[in-house]
Amino acid sequence: MLPNLDRISGDGDAVAWAILERAPDPIDQGFLESLAPEAWLWLGRFGTRQVTIALREGSADLLHRGLLATGLSVCLRSEDDRDTMVSLALPCVVAQHLDMAPVEVFAEIADRVPDARVAELLRRFGARSDVTLRAFGWEMVMTPGGLDFQPLP
């Protein structure tokens, strides 16, 4: 299995970045409804990629952007909460590596998303103290470009 930055296409990163740049604060349902049908995919990929880049660069801003993109992706295309939590493990671990409190980071993002169910999931997950990469099916690997994540085999 390839690490995330090699495995996950960045083709939609510029579009996802532009979506986040023009998003109101807080984001409302009307804004989400104005997005292209593919926005969930662009935001989801961007979220995972930015969290990895945040780890490499030590960037709280990229961590916030990545987590917001992931949250909006889930708002746009609801999935099983267990699948969402697998994705949320990465920003939780990166927040810890950046000496940030996951509960605070996740609460900030929860305050911005329009879907109450997703906001509550973010708050609950950020407050967990049992999140490890292994428990959620991930491992951290060193690549020529720096640290990255990949699914466990």
Protein backbone atom coordinates (compact mmCIF):
# COMPACT_ATOMS: atom_id res chain seq x y z
CA MET A 1 0.00 0.00 0.00
CA LEU A 2 1.30 3.45 -0.91
CA PRO A 3 1.45 6.35 1.56
CA ASN A 4 -1.35 8.93 1.35
CA LEU A 5 0.46 11.62 -0.61
CA ASP A 6 1.43 9.05 -3.27
CA ARG A 7 -1.91 7.23 -3.20
CA ILE A 8 -4.41 10.10 -3.05
CA SER A 9 -4.71 12.35 -6.08
CA GLY A 10 -4.19 16.06 -5.55
CA ASP A 11 -5.98 16.95 -8.82
CA GLY A 12 -8.77 18.74 -6.96
CA ASP A 13 -6.60 20.48 -4.35
CA ALA A 14 -6.82 23.90 -6.01
CA VAL A 15 -10.61 23.63 -6.25
CA ALA A 16 -10.91 22.49 -2.63
CA TRP A 17 -8.62 25.33 -1.51
CA ALA A 18 -10.82 27.82 -3.40
CA ILE A 19 -13.96 26.39 -1.77
CA LEU A 20 -12.47 26.87 1.69
CA GLU A 21 -11.28 30.38 0.82
CA ARG A 22 -14.79 31.54 -0.11
CA ALA A 23 -16.62 29.63 2.61
CA PRO A 24 -18.53 31.83 5.06
CA ASP A 25 -17.93 31.48 8.79
CA PRO A 26 -19.92 29.65 9.94
CA ILE A 27 -20.66 27.70 6.78
CA ASP A 28 -24.37 27.40 6.00
CA GLN A 29 -26.34 24.77 4.16
CA GLY A 30 -26.93 27.14 1.24
CA PHE A 31 -23.19 27.37 0.65
CA LEU A 32 -22.88 23.58 0.59
CA GLU A 33 -25.80 23.32 -1.84
CA SER A 34 -24.03 25.77 -4.17
CA LEU A 35 -21.06 23.42 -4.63
CA ALA A 36 -20.51 21.05 -7.55
CA PRO A 37 -21.58 17.43 -6.98
CA GLU A 38 -17.90 16.36 -6.99
CA ALA A 39 -16.99 18.76 -4.17
CA TRP A 40 -17.24 16.00 -1.54
CA LEU A 41 -14.49 14.08 -3.32
CA TRP A 42 -12.19 17.09 -3.80
CA LEU A 43 -12.66 18.16 -0.17
CA GLY A 44 -12.18 14.64 1.18
CA ARG A 45 -8.94 14.08 -0.71
CA PHE A 46 -7.70 17.57 0.11
CA GLY A 47 -8.46 17.03 3.80
CA THR A 48 -6.37 13.89 4.03
CA ARG A 49 -3.53 15.36 2.01
CA GLN A 50 -3.41 18.64 3.98
CA VAL A 51 -3.31 16.86 7.32
CA THR A 52 -0.22 14.97 6.16
CA ILE A 53 1.38 18.17 4.87
CA ALA A 54 0.50 19.86 8.18
CA LEU A 55 2.47 17.15 9.98
CA ARG A 56 5.46 17.63 7.71
CA GLU A 57 5.44 21.43 7.95
CA GLY A 58 4.31 21.71 11.57
CA SER A 59 1.40 23.87 10.39
CA ALA A 60 -1.67 24.42 12.56
CA ASP A 61 -3.31 26.32 9.69
CA LEU A 62 -3.01 23.38 7.31
CA LEU A 63 -4.31 21.05 10.01
CA HIS A 64 -7.40 23.27 10.45
CA ARG A 65 -7.94 23.50 6.68
CA GLY A 66 -7.59 19.76 6.28
CA LEU A 67 -9.99 18.96 9.09
CA LEU A 68 -12.52 21.52 7.83
CA ALA A 69 -12.31 20.03 4.34
CA THR A 70 -12.89 16.55 5.77
CA GLY A 71 -15.85 17.76 7.83
CA LEU A 72 -17.45 19.47 4.83
CA SER A 73 -16.89 16.38 2.71
CA VAL A 74 -18.83 14.34 5.27
CA CYS A 75 -21.59 16.99 5.32
CA LEU A 76 -21.89 16.65 1.54
CA ARG A 77 -21.84 12.88 1.39
CA SER A 78 -22.94 11.16 4.52
CA GLU A 79 -21.17 7.91 5.27
CA ASP A 80 -21.08 5.47 8.14
CA ASP A 81 -19.67 7.23 11.22
CA ARG A 82 -17.16 4.41 11.66
CA ASP A 83 -15.67 5.17 8.22
CA THR A 84 -15.55 8.87 9.08
CA MET A 85 -13.75 8.13 12.34
CA VAL A 86 -11.02 6.25 10.45
CA SER A 87 -10.36 9.49 8.54
CA LEU A 88 -10.59 11.63 11.69
CA ALA A 89 -7.85 9.65 13.42
CA LEU A 90 -5.22 11.35 11.25
CA PRO A 91 -5.97 14.97 12.23
CA CYS A 92 -6.34 13.87 15.85
CA VAL A 93 -2.85 12.34 15.85
CA VAL A 94 -1.38 15.28 13.93
CA ALA A 95 -2.87 17.73 16.43
CA GLN A 96 -1.10 15.82 19.21
CA HIS A 97 2.19 15.89 17.26
CA LEU A 98 1.82 19.66 16.88
CA ASP A 99 1.23 19.99 20.66
CA MET A 100 -2.35 21.07 20.08
CA ALA A 101 -5.34 19.78 22.02
CA PRO A 102 -7.47 17.71 19.64
CA VAL A 103 -10.60 18.57 21.65
CA GLU A 104 -10.05 22.27 20.90
CA VAL A 105 -9.12 21.81 17.23
CA PHE A 106 -12.12 19.58 16.55
CA ALA A 107 -14.49 21.89 18.46
CA GLU A 108 -13.35 24.88 16.36
CA ILE A 109 -14.16 23.00 13.18
CA ALA A 110 -17.44 21.65 14.58
CA ASP A 111 -18.52 25.26 15.15
CA ARG A 112 -18.10 25.96 11.42
CA VAL A 113 -19.95 23.04 9.79
CA PRO A 114 -23.69 23.33 9.08
CA ASP A 115 -24.65 19.71 9.76
CA ALA A 116 -25.42 19.16 13.48
CA ARG A 117 -24.74 15.42 13.23
CA VAL A 118 -21.29 16.00 11.74
CA ALA A 119 -20.55 18.74 14.27
CA GLU A 120 -21.44 16.41 17.14
CA LEU A 121 -19.30 13.62 15.68
CA LEU A 122 -16.35 16.02 15.44
CA ARG A 123 -16.81 17.16 19.04
CA ARG A 124 -17.09 13.61 20.37
CA PHE A 125 -14.13 12.34 18.38
CA GLY A 126 -11.89 15.25 19.31
CA ALA A 127 -12.63 14.61 23.00
CA ARG A 128 -11.53 10.97 22.83
CA SER A 129 -8.36 9.98 24.64
CA ASP A 130 -8.01 6.54 23.04
CA VAL A 131 -7.19 7.52 19.44
CA THR A 132 -4.10 5.81 18.04
CA LEU A 133 -3.12 5.20 14.46
CA ARG A 134 -3.07 1.44 14.89
CA ALA A 135 -6.54 1.36 16.48
CA PHE A 136 -7.95 3.08 13.39
CA GLY A 137 -6.01 1.08 10.81
CA TRP A 138 -3.15 3.47 10.05
CA GLU A 139 0.60 3.60 10.41
CA MET A 140 3.06 6.47 10.11
CA VAL A 141 5.84 5.90 7.60
CA MET A 142 8.92 7.82 6.53
CA THR A 143 9.06 8.53 2.80
CA PRO A 144 11.67 10.41 0.77
CA GLY A 145 9.40 13.50 1.11
CA GLY A 146 8.94 13.16 4.86
CA LEU A 147 6.45 11.59 7.25
CA ASP A 148 3.22 10.21 5.79
CA PHE A 149 0.42 7.84 6.68
CA GLN A 150 -0.71 4.65 5.06
CA PRO A 151 -3.38 2.11 5.80
CA LEU A 152 -2.19 -0.94 7.69
CA PRO A 153 -1.76 -3.99 5.46
